[in-house]
Amino acid sequence: MRHLRLVYLLFLLVTLCSATIVQAAPELAVERGSFNFGSVAQGKKVQHTFTIKNNGDAPLQIKKLDASCGCTAAKPSTSVVPPGKSAEIEVTFDSGSFSGKVTKTVTLTSNAGKSPVYTFTIEGTVLEQLQVSPRQVSLGAVSSSSATQAKVNIANNSSVTIKLLNVTVTSSSLLIRPTIKKAELKPGESGVIEISVLAKPEAKILSGYLHISTSLPQKKEITVPVYGSIPK
């Protein structure tokens, strides 16, 4: 009888230990997995820190962090998160090669039992340091006797004063005369380049380019296509 009781107690102890081992697992919890950085000037680096927590009862191991492109870097504050503790994932996005709306992701792979993979998202709008509008000038019908007028607007979204140095023209079918109305643009200011356009009498297809030279090292020249149509 005593022998049977001892066997039963040993069996119960082994069962409880096994259950404890099976239940012990890390659990990944994310406080907030997305971040909108709003609007930034092109070239600025955006940094954000995401917070994760291990809600499990075993150490959480961060195996790897994969960014969606080389413009985004991510690093954890630690590679192992003890039960009940938190860690930070620092994400840096370099906006130098982007404009407009941008969405980038960082995927974390861990040893979490239920959700071992989690994707963080960082998004926003990148404003070109020199923003041109329109990006191409559509003149409509252009005659050879009466000039067509148009404007190109340039906004300085950078943190430094930028000069519009010169405007040259490339076209075999249009006579384009550009005029810079404001050559020096302080941060936040906008300027205008006015153009007066005539079609060459023999031209069949009306097109050309404006080449705007600037003092901005990252964008020394801006090219704007110009199109027109022959009057019927």
C-alpha atoms as a PDB file:
ATOM      1  CA  MET A   1       0.000   0.000   0.000  1.00  0.00           C
ATOM      2  CA  ARG A   2       2.790   2.372   0.951  1.00  0.00           C
ATOM      3  CA  HIS A   3       4.579   1.423  -2.248  1.00  0.00           C
ATOM      4  CA  LEU A   4       1.540   2.271  -4.357  1.00  0.00           C
ATOM      5  CA  ARG A   5       1.134   5.605  -2.594  1.00  0.00           C
ATOM      6  CA  LEU A   6       4.778   6.451  -3.297  1.00  0.00           C
ATOM      7  CA  VAL A   7       4.384   5.552  -6.942  1.00  0.00           C
ATOM      8  CA  TYR A   8       1.261   7.751  -7.156  1.00  0.00           C
ATOM      9  CA  LEU A   9       3.039  10.723  -5.573  1.00  0.00           C
ATOM     10  CA  LEU A  10       5.972  10.358  -7.975  1.00  0.00           C
ATOM     11  CA  PHE A  11       3.584  10.181 -10.896  1.00  0.00           C
ATOM     12  CA  LEU A  12       1.765  13.315  -9.711  1.00  0.00           C
ATOM     13  CA  LEU A  13       5.046  15.189  -9.267  1.00  0.00           C
ATOM     14  CA  VAL A  14       6.256  14.255 -12.761  1.00  0.00           C
ATOM     15  CA  THR A  15       2.883  15.284 -14.228  1.00  0.00           C
ATOM     16  CA  LEU A  16       2.972  18.672 -12.550  1.00  0.00           C
ATOM     17  CA  CYS A  17       6.552  19.315 -13.656  1.00  0.00           C
ATOM     18  CA  SER A  18       5.715  18.340 -17.216  1.00  0.00           C
ATOM     19  CA  ALA A  19       2.717  20.659 -17.241  1.00  0.00           C
ATOM     20  CA  THR A  20       4.853  23.499 -15.926  1.00  0.00           C
ATOM     21  CA  ILE A  21       7.461  22.933 -18.644  1.00  0.00           C
ATOM     22  CA  VAL A  22       4.822  22.839 -21.362  1.00  0.00           C
ATOM     23  CA  GLN A  23       3.142  26.044 -20.167  1.00  0.00           C
ATOM     24  CA  ALA A  24       6.334  28.058 -19.801  1.00  0.00           C
ATOM     25  CA  ALA A  25       6.652  30.198 -22.944  1.00  0.00           C
ATOM     26  CA  PRO A  26       7.443  33.784 -23.904  1.00  0.00           C
ATOM     27  CA  GLU A  27       4.604  36.008 -25.109  1.00  0.00           C
ATOM     28  CA  LEU A  28       5.243  39.046 -27.306  1.00  0.00           C
ATOM     29  CA  ALA A  29       3.097  42.106 -26.613  1.00  0.00           C
ATOM     30  CA  VAL A  30       3.385  45.384 -28.565  1.00  0.00           C
ATOM     31  CA  GLU A  31       2.257  48.658 -27.060  1.00  0.00           C
ATOM     32  CA  ARG A  32       1.735  50.358 -30.423  1.00  0.00           C
ATOM     33  CA  GLY A  33       2.922  48.883 -33.695  1.00  0.00           C
ATOM     34  CA  SER A  34       2.513  51.821 -36.090  1.00  0.00           C
ATOM     35  CA  PHE A  35       3.840  55.370 -36.222  1.00  0.00           C
ATOM     36  CA  ASN A  36       2.901  58.275 -38.490  1.00  0.00           C
ATOM     37  CA  PHE A  37       5.661  60.886 -38.675  1.00  0.00           C
ATOM     38  CA  GLY A  38       3.475  63.442 -40.468  1.00  0.00           C
ATOM     39  CA  SER A  39       5.357  65.567 -43.018  1.00  0.00           C
ATOM     40  CA  VAL A  40       9.149  65.943 -43.155  1.00  0.00           C
ATOM     41  CA  ALA A  41      11.544  67.617 -45.570  1.00  0.00           C
ATOM     42  CA  GLN A  42      13.345  65.313 -47.976  1.00  0.00           C
ATOM     43  CA  GLY A  43      16.702  64.228 -46.566  1.00  0.00           C
ATOM     44  CA  LYS A  44      15.654  64.255 -42.925  1.00  0.00           C
ATOM     45  CA  LYS A  45      16.097  61.098 -40.862  1.00  0.00           C
ATOM     46  CA  VAL A  46      13.039  60.047 -38.894  1.00  0.00           C
ATOM     47  CA  GLN A  47      13.572  58.112 -35.672  1.00  0.00           C
ATOM     48  CA  HIS A  48      10.969  56.330 -33.586  1.00  0.00           C
ATOM     49  CA  THR A  49      11.110  53.860 -30.734  1.00  0.00           C
ATOM     50  CA  PHE A  50       8.579  51.028 -30.454  1.00  0.00           C
ATOM     51  CA  THR A  51       8.078  49.294 -27.092  1.00  0.00           C
ATOM     52  CA  ILE A  52       7.574  45.560 -26.720  1.00  0.00           C
ATOM     53  CA  LYS A  53       6.923  43.491 -23.595  1.00  0.00           C
ATOM     54  CA  ASN A  54       7.286  39.864 -22.655  1.00  0.00           C
ATOM     55  CA  ASN A  55       4.014  38.840 -21.019  1.00  0.00           C
ATOM     56  CA  GLY A  56       5.042  35.187 -20.896  1.00  0.00           C
ATOM     57  CA  ASP A  57       6.868  33.177 -18.262  1.00  0.00           C
ATOM     58  CA  ALA A  58      10.032  32.379 -20.222  1.00  0.00           C
ATOM     59  CA  PRO A  59      12.698  34.633 -21.799  1.00  0.00           C
ATOM     60  CA  LEU A  60      11.711  36.255 -25.106  1.00  0.00           C
ATOM     61  CA  GLN A  61      14.476  36.064 -27.714  1.00  0.00           C
ATOM     62  CA  ILE A  62      14.590  38.602 -30.558  1.00  0.00           C
ATOM     63  CA  LYS A  63      16.007  36.490 -33.364  1.00  0.00           C
ATOM     64  CA  LYS A  64      16.111  39.085 -36.151  1.00  0.00           C
ATOM     65  CA  LEU A  65      14.744  42.391 -37.452  1.00  0.00           C
ATOM     66  CA  ASP A  66      14.101  42.722 -41.192  1.00  0.00           C
ATOM     67  CA  ALA A  67      13.493  46.159 -42.736  1.00  0.00           C
ATOM     68  CA  SER A  68      11.509  46.516 -45.967  1.00  0.00           C
ATOM     69  CA  CYS A  69      14.347  48.448 -47.633  1.00  0.00           C
ATOM     70  CA  GLY A  70      17.875  49.708 -47.091  1.00  0.00           C
ATOM     71  CA  CYS A  71      16.515  53.163 -46.230  1.00  0.00           C
ATOM     72  CA  THR A  72      15.246  51.816 -42.905  1.00  0.00           C
ATOM     73  CA  ALA A  73      17.338  50.524 -40.011  1.00  0.00           C
ATOM     74  CA  ALA A  74      16.204  48.886 -36.772  1.00  0.00           C
ATOM     75  CA  LYS A  75      17.956  47.753 -33.617  1.00  0.00           C
ATOM     76  CA  PRO A  76      16.692  46.344 -30.302  1.00  0.00           C
ATOM     77  CA  SER A  77      17.787  47.594 -26.891  1.00  0.00           C
ATOM     78  CA  THR A  78      18.395  43.958 -25.966  1.00  0.00           C
ATOM     79  CA  SER A  79      18.189  40.581 -27.703  1.00  0.00           C
ATOM     80  CA  VAL A  80      16.642  38.777 -24.709  1.00  0.00           C
ATOM     81  CA  VAL A  81      13.656  40.098 -22.763  1.00  0.00           C
ATOM     82  CA  PRO A  82      12.987  38.446 -19.365  1.00  0.00           C
ATOM     83  CA  PRO A  83       9.409  37.579 -18.337  1.00  0.00           C
ATOM     84  CA  GLY A  84       7.457  40.680 -17.352  1.00  0.00           C
ATOM     85  CA  LYS A  85      10.092  43.049 -18.747  1.00  0.00           C
ATOM     86  CA  SER A  86      10.052  45.455 -21.702  1.00  0.00           C
ATOM     87  CA  ALA A  87      12.472  46.331 -24.491  1.00  0.00           C
ATOM     88  CA  GLU A  88      12.705  48.990 -27.187  1.00  0.00           C
ATOM     89  CA  ILE A  89      13.001  48.707 -30.959  1.00  0.00           C
ATOM     90  CA  GLU A  90      14.608  51.829 -32.410  1.00  0.00           C
ATOM     91  CA  VAL A  91      13.716  52.449 -36.066  1.00  0.00           C
ATOM     92  CA  THR A  92      15.427  55.025 -38.312  1.00  0.00           C
ATOM     93  CA  PHE A  93      14.084  55.984 -41.753  1.00  0.00           C
ATOM     94  CA  ASP A  94      16.239  58.005 -44.174  1.00  0.00           C
ATOM     95  CA  SER A  95      13.950  60.080 -46.424  1.00  0.00           C
ATOM     96  CA  GLY A  96      16.715  61.223 -48.787  1.00  0.00           C
ATOM     97  CA  SER A  97      15.526  59.218 -51.808  1.00  0.00           C
ATOM     98  CA  PHE A  98      11.775  59.603 -51.336  1.00  0.00           C
ATOM     99  CA  SER A  99       8.962  62.058 -51.955  1.00  0.00           C
ATOM    100  CA  GLY A 100       5.231  61.927 -51.366  1.00  0.00           C
ATOM    101  CA  LYS A 101       3.506  59.353 -49.192  1.00  0.00           C
ATOM    102  CA  VAL A 102       5.792  56.660 -47.814  1.00  0.00           C
ATOM    103  CA  THR A 103       5.152  53.437 -45.881  1.00  0.00           C
ATOM    104  CA  LYS A 104       8.006  51.312 -44.517  1.00  0.00           C
ATOM    105  CA  THR A 105       7.954  48.186 -42.364  1.00  0.00           C
ATOM    106  CA  VAL A 106      10.204  46.328 -39.942  1.00  0.00           C
ATOM    107  CA  THR A 107       9.463  42.674 -39.219  1.00  0.00           C
ATOM    108  CA  LEU A 108      10.504  41.192 -35.871  1.00  0.00           C
ATOM    109  CA  THR A 109      11.016  37.439 -35.550  1.00  0.00           C
ATOM    110  CA  SER A 110      11.135  35.962 -32.033  1.00  0.00           C
ATOM    111  CA  ASN A 111      10.637  32.731 -30.110  1.00  0.00           C
ATOM    112  CA  ALA A 112       7.214  33.789 -28.850  1.00  0.00           C
ATOM    113  CA  GLY A 113       4.825  30.873 -28.596  1.00  0.00           C
ATOM    114  CA  LYS A 114       1.642  32.348 -30.099  1.00  0.00           C
ATOM    115  CA  SER A 115       2.851  35.153 -32.394  1.00  0.00           C
ATOM    116  CA  PRO A 116       6.557  34.770 -33.173  1.00  0.00           C
ATOM    117  CA  VAL A 117       6.447  37.284 -36.070  1.00  0.00           C
ATOM    118  CA  TYR A 118       5.282  40.892 -35.793  1.00  0.00           C
ATOM    119  CA  THR A 119       5.482  43.745 -38.319  1.00  0.00           C
ATOM    120  CA  PHE A 120       5.957  47.373 -37.297  1.00  0.00           C
ATOM    121  CA  THR A 121       4.877  50.160 -39.661  1.00  0.00           C
ATOM    122  CA  ILE A 122       6.241  53.679 -40.074  1.00  0.00           C
ATOM    123  CA  GLU A 123       4.561  56.063 -42.511  1.00  0.00           C
ATOM    124  CA  GLY A 124       4.173  59.700 -43.477  1.00  0.00           C
ATOM    125  CA  THR A 125       4.759  62.238 -46.223  1.00  0.00           C
ATOM    126  CA  VAL A 126       8.161  63.334 -47.521  1.00  0.00           C
ATOM    127  CA  LEU A 127       8.297  66.859 -48.911  1.00  0.00           C
ATOM    128  CA  GLU A 128      10.927  67.504 -51.552  1.00  0.00           C
ATOM    129  CA  GLN A 129      13.397  70.165 -50.441  1.00  0.00           C
ATOM    130  CA  LEU A 130      12.555  71.978 -53.650  1.00  0.00           C
ATOM    131  CA  GLN A 131       9.019  71.132 -54.677  1.00  0.00           C
ATOM    132  CA  VAL A 132       8.035  71.993 -58.237  1.00  0.00           C
ATOM    133  CA  SER A 133       4.475  72.375 -59.459  1.00  0.00           C
ATOM    134  CA  PRO A 134       3.388  71.514 -61.974  1.00  0.00           C
ATOM    135  CA  ARG A 135       5.941  68.764 -62.577  1.00  0.00           C
ATOM    136  CA  GLN A 136       5.304  69.156 -66.289  1.00  0.00           C
ATOM    137  CA  VAL A 137       3.820  72.133 -68.112  1.00  0.00           C
ATOM    138  CA  SER A 138       0.969  71.417 -70.508  1.00  0.00           C
ATOM    139  CA  LEU A 139       0.391  74.539 -72.586  1.00  0.00           C
ATOM    140  CA  GLY A 140      -2.486  73.462 -74.786  1.00  0.00           C
ATOM    141  CA  ALA A 141      -2.527  75.012 -78.262  1.00  0.00           C
ATOM    142  CA  VAL A 142       0.591  77.093 -78.993  1.00  0.00           C
ATOM    143  CA  SER A 143       0.825  79.332 -82.047  1.00  0.00           C
ATOM    144  CA  SER A 144       3.844  80.845 -83.768  1.00  0.00           C
ATOM    145  CA  SER A 145       2.419  84.374 -83.726  1.00  0.00           C
ATOM    146  CA  SER A 146       0.964  84.900 -80.251  1.00  0.00           C
ATOM    147  CA  ALA A 147       2.911  83.803 -77.152  1.00  0.00           C
ATOM    148  CA  THR A 148       1.396  81.436 -74.606  1.00  0.00           C
ATOM    149  CA  GLN A 149       2.106  82.237 -70.963  1.00  0.00           C
ATOM    150  CA  ALA A 150       2.640  79.739 -68.141  1.00  0.00           C
ATOM    151  CA  LYS A 151       4.135  79.546 -64.644  1.00  0.00           C
ATOM    152  CA  VAL A 152       6.226  77.054 -62.686  1.00  0.00           C
ATOM    153  CA  ASN A 153       6.044  77.335 -58.899  1.00  0.00           C
ATOM    154  CA  ILE A 154       8.968  76.290 -56.695  1.00  0.00           C
ATOM    155  CA  ALA A 155       8.598  75.871 -52.918  1.00  0.00           C
ATOM    156  CA  ASN A 156      11.570  75.714 -50.545  1.00  0.00           C
ATOM    157  CA  ASN A 157      10.793  73.024 -47.958  1.00  0.00           C
ATOM    158  CA  SER A 158      14.352  72.845 -46.668  1.00  0.00           C
ATOM    159  CA  SER A 159      15.896  74.555 -43.641  1.00  0.00           C
ATOM    160  CA  VAL A 160      18.307  76.737 -45.661  1.00  0.00           C
ATOM    161  CA  THR A 161      18.012  79.603 -48.128  1.00  0.00           C
ATOM    162  CA  ILE A 162      18.155  78.401 -51.733  1.00  0.00           C
ATOM    163  CA  LYS A 163      18.944  80.413 -54.851  1.00  0.00           C
ATOM    164  CA  LEU A 164      17.527  79.774 -58.312  1.00  0.00           C
ATOM    165  CA  LEU A 165      20.672  80.441 -60.329  1.00  0.00           C
ATOM    166  CA  ASN A 166      19.591  80.081 -63.930  1.00  0.00           C
ATOM    167  CA  VAL A 167      17.060  78.557 -66.324  1.00  0.00           C
ATOM    168  CA  THR A 168      18.132  77.099 -69.668  1.00  0.00           C
ATOM    169  CA  VAL A 169      15.930  75.638 -72.368  1.00  0.00           C
ATOM    170  CA  THR A 170      16.174  72.565 -74.593  1.00  0.00           C
ATOM    171  CA  SER A 171      13.711  72.417 -77.495  1.00  0.00           C
ATOM    172  CA  SER A 172      13.763  72.056 -81.253  1.00  0.00           C
ATOM    173  CA  SER A 173      10.113  73.015 -81.698  1.00  0.00           C
ATOM    174  CA  LEU A 174       9.380  75.708 -79.076  1.00  0.00           C
ATOM    175  CA  LEU A 175      10.811  79.152 -78.415  1.00  0.00           C
ATOM    176  CA  ILE A 176      10.704  79.390 -74.620  1.00  0.00           C
ATOM    177  CA  ARG A 177      11.656  82.533 -72.726  1.00  0.00           C
ATOM    178  CA  PRO A 178      11.890  81.930 -68.974  1.00  0.00           C
ATOM    179  CA  THR A 179      11.944  84.655 -66.309  1.00  0.00           C
ATOM    180  CA  ILE A 180      12.829  84.031 -62.671  1.00  0.00           C
ATOM    181  CA  LYS A 181      10.562  86.295 -60.619  1.00  0.00           C
ATOM    182  CA  LYS A 182      12.214  85.516 -57.281  1.00  0.00           C
ATOM    183  CA  ALA A 183      15.737  84.141 -57.262  1.00  0.00           C
ATOM    184  CA  GLU A 184      16.296  83.736 -53.508  1.00  0.00           C
ATOM    185  CA  LEU A 185      13.968  81.527 -51.499  1.00  0.00           C
ATOM    186  CA  LYS A 186      14.183  81.426 -47.718  1.00  0.00           C
ATOM    187  CA  PRO A 187      12.917  78.329 -45.840  1.00  0.00           C
ATOM    188  CA  GLY A 188       9.172  78.063 -46.345  1.00  0.00           C
ATOM    189  CA  GLU A 189       9.093  80.570 -49.222  1.00  0.00           C
ATOM    190  CA  SER A 190       7.902  79.953 -52.778  1.00  0.00           C
ATOM    191  CA  GLY A 191       8.999  81.454 -56.056  1.00  0.00           C
ATOM    192  CA  VAL A 192       7.734  81.600 -59.614  1.00  0.00           C
ATOM    193  CA  ILE A 193       9.349  81.105 -62.994  1.00  0.00           C
ATOM    194  CA  GLU A 194       7.273  82.636 -65.766  1.00  0.00           C
ATOM    195  CA  ILE A 195       7.611  81.337 -69.309  1.00  0.00           C
ATOM    196  CA  SER A 196       6.529  82.824 -72.607  1.00  0.00           C
ATOM    197  CA  VAL A 197       6.255  80.251 -75.403  1.00  0.00           C
ATOM    198  CA  LEU A 198       5.983  80.419 -79.185  1.00  0.00           C
ATOM    199  CA  ALA A 199       5.830  77.487 -81.567  1.00  0.00           C
ATOM    200  CA  LYS A 200       8.384  77.339 -84.366  1.00  0.00           C
ATOM    201  CA  PRO A 201       6.499  77.623 -87.681  1.00  0.00           C
ATOM    202  CA  GLU A 202       7.811  74.353 -89.092  1.00  0.00           C
ATOM    203  CA  ALA A 203       7.251  72.311 -85.916  1.00  0.00           C
ATOM    204  CA  LYS A 204       4.996  69.247 -86.006  1.00  0.00           C
ATOM    205  CA  ILE A 205       5.342  68.095 -82.370  1.00  0.00           C
ATOM    206  CA  LEU A 206       5.693  70.734 -79.660  1.00  0.00           C
ATOM    207  CA  SER A 207       7.860  69.793 -76.706  1.00  0.00           C
ATOM    208  CA  GLY A 208      10.841  70.960 -74.710  1.00  0.00           C
ATOM    209  CA  TYR A 209      12.495  71.135 -71.302  1.00  0.00           C
ATOM    210  CA  LEU A 210      13.288  73.730 -68.673  1.00  0.00           C
ATOM    211  CA  HIS A 211      16.547  73.131 -66.797  1.00  0.00           C
ATOM    212  CA  ILE A 212      16.500  75.044 -63.520  1.00  0.00           C
ATOM    213  CA  SER A 213      19.890  75.390 -61.812  1.00  0.00           C
ATOM    214  CA  THR A 214      19.850  75.823 -58.011  1.00  0.00           C
ATOM    215  CA  SER A 215      22.298  76.338 -55.149  1.00  0.00           C
ATOM    216  CA  LEU A 216      21.020  73.232 -53.345  1.00  0.00           C
ATOM    217  CA  PRO A 217      23.814  70.587 -53.420  1.00  0.00           C
ATOM    218  CA  GLN A 218      21.343  67.692 -53.271  1.00  0.00           C
ATOM    219  CA  LYS A 219      19.397  69.031 -56.257  1.00  0.00           C
ATOM    220  CA  LYS A 220      21.605  71.181 -58.446  1.00  0.00           C
ATOM    221  CA  GLU A 221      19.257  70.962 -61.409  1.00  0.00           C
ATOM    222  CA  ILE A 222      15.512  70.465 -61.820  1.00  0.00           C
ATOM    223  CA  THR A 223      14.159  69.428 -65.214  1.00  0.00           C
ATOM    224  CA  VAL A 224      10.586  70.319 -66.133  1.00  0.00           C
ATOM    225  CA  PRO A 225       9.067  68.998 -69.402  1.00  0.00           C
ATOM    226  CA  VAL A 226       7.001  71.452 -71.486  1.00  0.00           C
ATOM    227  CA  TYR A 227       4.366  70.281 -73.953  1.00  0.00           C
ATOM    228  CA  GLY A 228       2.056  71.976 -76.407  1.00  0.00           C
ATOM    229  CA  SER A 229      -0.237  71.197 -79.310  1.00  0.00           C
ATOM    230  CA  ILE A 230      -0.510  72.719 -82.770  1.00  0.00           C
ATOM    231  CA  PRO A 231      -3.648  74.884 -83.225  1.00  0.00           C
ATOM    232  CA  LYS A 232      -6.241  73.370 -85.519  1.00  0.00           C
END
